[in-house]
Amino acid sequence: MANHPEEILIDARWLEPPEPMEKVLHTLALLHSGQTIRLLLHREPFPLYLILREKGYAHETMPQPDGSYVILIRRVSAE
């Protein structure tokens, strides 16, 4: 069994659309059970939320004091 990090960091602050979304969608395909994506952005990615929900992923959005956002993304368990 391969050992995978629990969290994958995507620092997409200051990247122009659609590059942050492209990076997230590419990384979703690489996620293993129990892994989380930590996405760092300088604006809230409203269009991404619907796509995540449709693909079976949950997210937690945490606004930061500097105006940026940390979004945690994980696969919704089938329980």
N, C-alpha and C. Protein backbone atom coordinates (compact mmCIF):
# COMPACT_ATOMS: atom_id res chain seq x y z
N MET A 1 0.84 -1.18 0.00
CA MET A 1 0.00 0.00 0.00
C MET A 1 0.88 1.24 0.00
N ALA A 2 0.62 2.16 -0.89
CA ALA A 2 1.42 3.37 -1.01
C ALA A 2 1.11 4.32 0.13
N ASN A 3 2.11 5.09 0.52
CA ASN A 3 1.95 6.07 1.58
C ASN A 3 1.74 7.44 0.93
N HIS A 4 0.58 8.05 1.15
CA HIS A 4 0.25 9.34 0.53
C HIS A 4 0.12 10.40 1.62
N PRO A 5 0.55 11.62 1.35
CA PRO A 5 0.37 12.68 2.35
C PRO A 5 -1.12 12.91 2.59
N GLU A 6 -1.46 13.30 3.83
CA GLU A 6 -2.87 13.53 4.15
C GLU A 6 -3.42 14.77 3.45
N GLU A 7 -2.54 15.73 3.17
CA GLU A 7 -2.99 16.99 2.59
C GLU A 7 -2.15 17.34 1.38
N ILE A 8 -2.82 17.82 0.34
CA ILE A 8 -2.15 18.31 -0.86
C ILE A 8 -2.38 19.82 -0.91
N LEU A 9 -1.31 20.59 -0.95
CA LEU A 9 -1.41 22.04 -0.96
C LEU A 9 -1.41 22.56 -2.40
N ILE A 10 -2.39 23.42 -2.69
CA ILE A 10 -2.41 24.15 -3.96
C ILE A 10 -2.42 25.63 -3.60
N ASP A 11 -1.31 26.30 -3.84
CA ASP A 11 -1.23 27.74 -3.59
C ASP A 11 -1.53 28.45 -4.91
N ALA A 12 -2.78 28.86 -5.06
CA ALA A 12 -3.22 29.49 -6.30
C ALA A 12 -3.46 30.99 -6.11
N ARG A 13 -2.92 31.54 -5.03
CA ARG A 13 -3.07 32.98 -4.82
C ARG A 13 -2.42 33.73 -5.98
N TRP A 14 -3.16 34.67 -6.49
CA TRP A 14 -2.73 35.56 -7.55
C TRP A 14 -2.61 34.91 -8.91
N LEU A 15 -3.05 33.67 -9.05
CA LEU A 15 -3.17 33.10 -10.39
C LEU A 15 -4.47 33.60 -11.01
N GLU A 16 -4.46 33.82 -12.29
CA GLU A 16 -5.66 34.30 -12.97
C GLU A 16 -6.55 33.13 -13.38
N PRO A 17 -7.87 33.36 -13.36
CA PRO A 17 -8.79 32.32 -13.84
C PRO A 17 -8.49 32.00 -15.31
N PRO A 18 -8.62 30.79 -15.70
CA PRO A 18 -9.18 29.63 -14.99
C PRO A 18 -8.13 28.75 -14.33
N GLU A 19 -6.88 29.23 -14.21
CA GLU A 19 -5.80 28.37 -13.73
C GLU A 19 -6.06 27.76 -12.35
N PRO A 20 -6.56 28.50 -11.35
CA PRO A 20 -6.82 27.85 -10.05
C PRO A 20 -7.81 26.68 -10.17
N MET A 21 -8.90 26.88 -10.92
CA MET A 21 -9.88 25.81 -11.07
C MET A 21 -9.27 24.62 -11.81
N GLU A 22 -8.49 24.88 -12.84
CA GLU A 22 -7.85 23.80 -13.58
C GLU A 22 -6.94 22.98 -12.67
N LYS A 23 -6.18 23.66 -11.81
CA LYS A 23 -5.28 22.96 -10.88
C LYS A 23 -6.08 22.08 -9.92
N VAL A 24 -7.19 22.61 -9.39
CA VAL A 24 -8.02 21.84 -8.46
C VAL A 24 -8.61 20.63 -9.17
N LEU A 25 -9.20 20.82 -10.34
CA LEU A 25 -9.84 19.72 -11.04
C LEU A 25 -8.83 18.63 -11.39
N HIS A 26 -7.63 19.02 -11.77
CA HIS A 26 -6.58 18.03 -12.05
C HIS A 26 -6.22 17.26 -10.78
N THR A 27 -6.10 17.97 -9.67
CA THR A 27 -5.70 17.34 -8.41
C THR A 27 -6.79 16.44 -7.85
N LEU A 28 -8.06 16.77 -8.09
CA LEU A 28 -9.16 15.90 -7.62
C LEU A 28 -8.98 14.49 -8.15
N ALA A 29 -8.55 14.38 -9.39
CA ALA A 29 -8.38 13.06 -10.01
C ALA A 29 -7.25 12.27 -9.35
N LEU A 30 -6.37 12.94 -8.62
CA LEU A 30 -5.22 12.28 -7.99
C LEU A 30 -5.46 11.95 -6.52
N LEU A 31 -6.56 12.46 -5.95
CA LEU A 31 -6.82 12.26 -4.51
C LEU A 31 -7.06 10.80 -4.18
N HIS A 32 -6.48 10.38 -3.08
CA HIS A 32 -6.71 9.04 -2.54
C HIS A 32 -7.63 9.17 -1.34
N SER A 33 -8.19 8.07 -0.91
CA SER A 33 -9.08 8.05 0.24
C SER A 33 -8.40 8.68 1.45
N GLY A 34 -9.09 9.59 2.11
CA GLY A 34 -8.56 10.23 3.30
C GLY A 34 -7.73 11.48 3.05
N GLN A 35 -7.41 11.77 1.80
CA GLN A 35 -6.63 12.96 1.50
C GLN A 35 -7.52 14.19 1.38
N THR A 36 -6.93 15.35 1.66
CA THR A 36 -7.60 16.63 1.57
C THR A 36 -6.75 17.56 0.72
N ILE A 37 -7.41 18.41 -0.06
CA ILE A 37 -6.73 19.49 -0.78
C ILE A 37 -6.87 20.75 0.06
N ARG A 38 -5.77 21.45 0.29
CA ARG A 38 -5.78 22.77 0.94
C ARG A 38 -5.50 23.77 -0.17
N LEU A 39 -6.53 24.52 -0.55
CA LEU A 39 -6.45 25.49 -1.64
C LEU A 39 -6.32 26.89 -1.05
N LEU A 40 -5.29 27.62 -1.45
CA LEU A 40 -5.08 28.99 -1.02
C LEU A 40 -5.42 29.91 -2.19
N LEU A 41 -6.34 30.85 -1.95
CA LEU A 41 -6.79 31.77 -3.01
C LEU A 41 -6.93 33.19 -2.48
N HIS A 42 -6.86 34.16 -3.38
CA HIS A 42 -7.05 35.55 -2.98
C HIS A 42 -8.48 36.02 -3.18
N ARG A 43 -9.36 35.14 -3.65
CA ARG A 43 -10.78 35.46 -3.78
C ARG A 43 -11.57 34.17 -3.59
N GLU A 44 -12.84 34.30 -3.22
CA GLU A 44 -13.66 33.11 -2.98
C GLU A 44 -14.09 32.51 -4.32
N PRO A 45 -13.90 31.21 -4.52
CA PRO A 45 -14.15 30.56 -5.81
C PRO A 45 -15.58 30.03 -5.94
N PHE A 46 -16.57 30.92 -5.99
CA PHE A 46 -17.97 30.49 -6.03
C PHE A 46 -18.26 29.48 -7.15
N PRO A 47 -17.76 29.66 -8.38
CA PRO A 47 -18.06 28.67 -9.44
C PRO A 47 -17.53 27.27 -9.11
N LEU A 48 -16.47 27.20 -8.34
CA LEU A 48 -15.88 25.90 -8.00
C LEU A 48 -16.79 25.09 -7.08
N TYR A 49 -17.53 25.76 -6.20
CA TYR A 49 -18.35 25.05 -5.21
C TYR A 49 -19.38 24.12 -5.86
N LEU A 50 -20.06 24.59 -6.88
CA LEU A 50 -21.06 23.76 -7.57
C LEU A 50 -20.40 22.55 -8.24
N ILE A 51 -19.27 22.78 -8.86
CA ILE A 51 -18.55 21.68 -9.52
C ILE A 51 -18.13 20.63 -8.50
N LEU A 52 -17.63 21.08 -7.35
CA LEU A 52 -17.23 20.14 -6.31
C LEU A 52 -18.41 19.30 -5.84
N ARG A 53 -19.53 19.96 -5.60
CA ARG A 53 -20.73 19.25 -5.14
C ARG A 53 -21.18 18.22 -6.17
N GLU A 54 -21.19 18.61 -7.44
CA GLU A 54 -21.61 17.70 -8.52
C GLU A 54 -20.68 16.49 -8.64
N LYS A 55 -19.40 16.67 -8.32
CA LYS A 55 -18.43 15.59 -8.44
C LYS A 55 -18.29 14.76 -7.16
N GLY A 56 -19.07 15.12 -6.11
CA GLY A 56 -19.03 14.33 -4.89
C GLY A 56 -17.97 14.74 -3.88
N TYR A 57 -17.65 16.03 -3.85
CA TYR A 57 -16.66 16.55 -2.91
C TYR A 57 -17.30 17.58 -2.00
N ALA A 58 -16.80 17.65 -0.78
CA ALA A 58 -17.24 18.65 0.19
C ALA A 58 -16.13 19.68 0.34
N HIS A 59 -16.50 20.88 0.77
CA HIS A 59 -15.48 21.91 0.99
C HIS A 59 -15.79 22.67 2.27
N GLU A 60 -14.75 23.20 2.86
CA GLU A 60 -14.87 24.10 4.01
C GLU A 60 -14.07 25.34 3.66
N THR A 61 -14.72 26.50 3.67
CA THR A 61 -14.08 27.75 3.29
C THR A 61 -13.79 28.57 4.54
N MET A 62 -12.55 29.02 4.67
CA MET A 62 -12.12 29.79 5.83
C MET A 62 -11.53 31.12 5.38
N PRO A 63 -12.29 32.22 5.51
CA PRO A 63 -11.73 33.53 5.19
C PRO A 63 -10.57 33.85 6.13
N GLN A 64 -9.54 34.47 5.59
CA GLN A 64 -8.36 34.82 6.37
C GLN A 64 -8.33 36.32 6.65
N PRO A 65 -7.63 36.75 7.70
CA PRO A 65 -7.58 38.17 8.05
C PRO A 65 -7.05 39.07 6.93
N ASP A 66 -6.20 38.52 6.06
CA ASP A 66 -5.63 39.33 4.98
C ASP A 66 -6.53 39.42 3.75
N GLY A 67 -7.75 38.83 3.84
CA GLY A 67 -8.69 38.88 2.72
C GLY A 67 -8.59 37.68 1.79
N SER A 68 -7.64 36.80 2.03
CA SER A 68 -7.52 35.60 1.21
C SER A 68 -8.41 34.50 1.80
N TYR A 69 -8.42 33.34 1.14
CA TYR A 69 -9.26 32.23 1.56
C TYR A 69 -8.45 30.94 1.59
N VAL A 70 -8.77 30.10 2.56
CA VAL A 70 -8.27 28.73 2.61
C VAL A 70 -9.49 27.85 2.42
N ILE A 71 -9.44 26.98 1.42
CA ILE A 71 -10.56 26.07 1.15
C ILE A 71 -10.04 24.65 1.28
N LEU A 72 -10.66 23.89 2.17
CA LEU A 72 -10.32 22.48 2.34
C LEU A 72 -11.32 21.66 1.52
N ILE A 73 -10.82 20.76 0.71
CA ILE A 73 -11.65 19.96 -0.19
C ILE A 73 -11.38 18.49 0.09
N ARG A 74 -12.46 17.72 0.24
CA ARG A 74 -12.31 16.28 0.47
C ARG A 74 -13.45 15.55 -0.22
N ARG A 75 -13.21 14.29 -0.50
CA ARG A 75 -14.24 13.44 -1.09
C ARG A 75 -15.29 13.14 -0.02
N VAL A 76 -16.56 13.19 -0.40
CA VAL A 76 -17.64 12.85 0.52
C VAL A 76 -17.65 11.34 0.65
N SER A 77 -17.67 10.86 1.89
CA SER A 77 -17.67 9.41 2.10
C SER A 77 -19.01 8.82 1.69
N ALA A 78 -18.99 7.58 1.28
CA ALA A 78 -20.20 6.90 0.79
C ALA A 78 -21.00 6.26 1.92
N GLU A 79 -20.74 6.65 3.15
CA GLU A 79 -21.44 6.04 4.29
C GLU A 79 -22.88 6.46 4.36
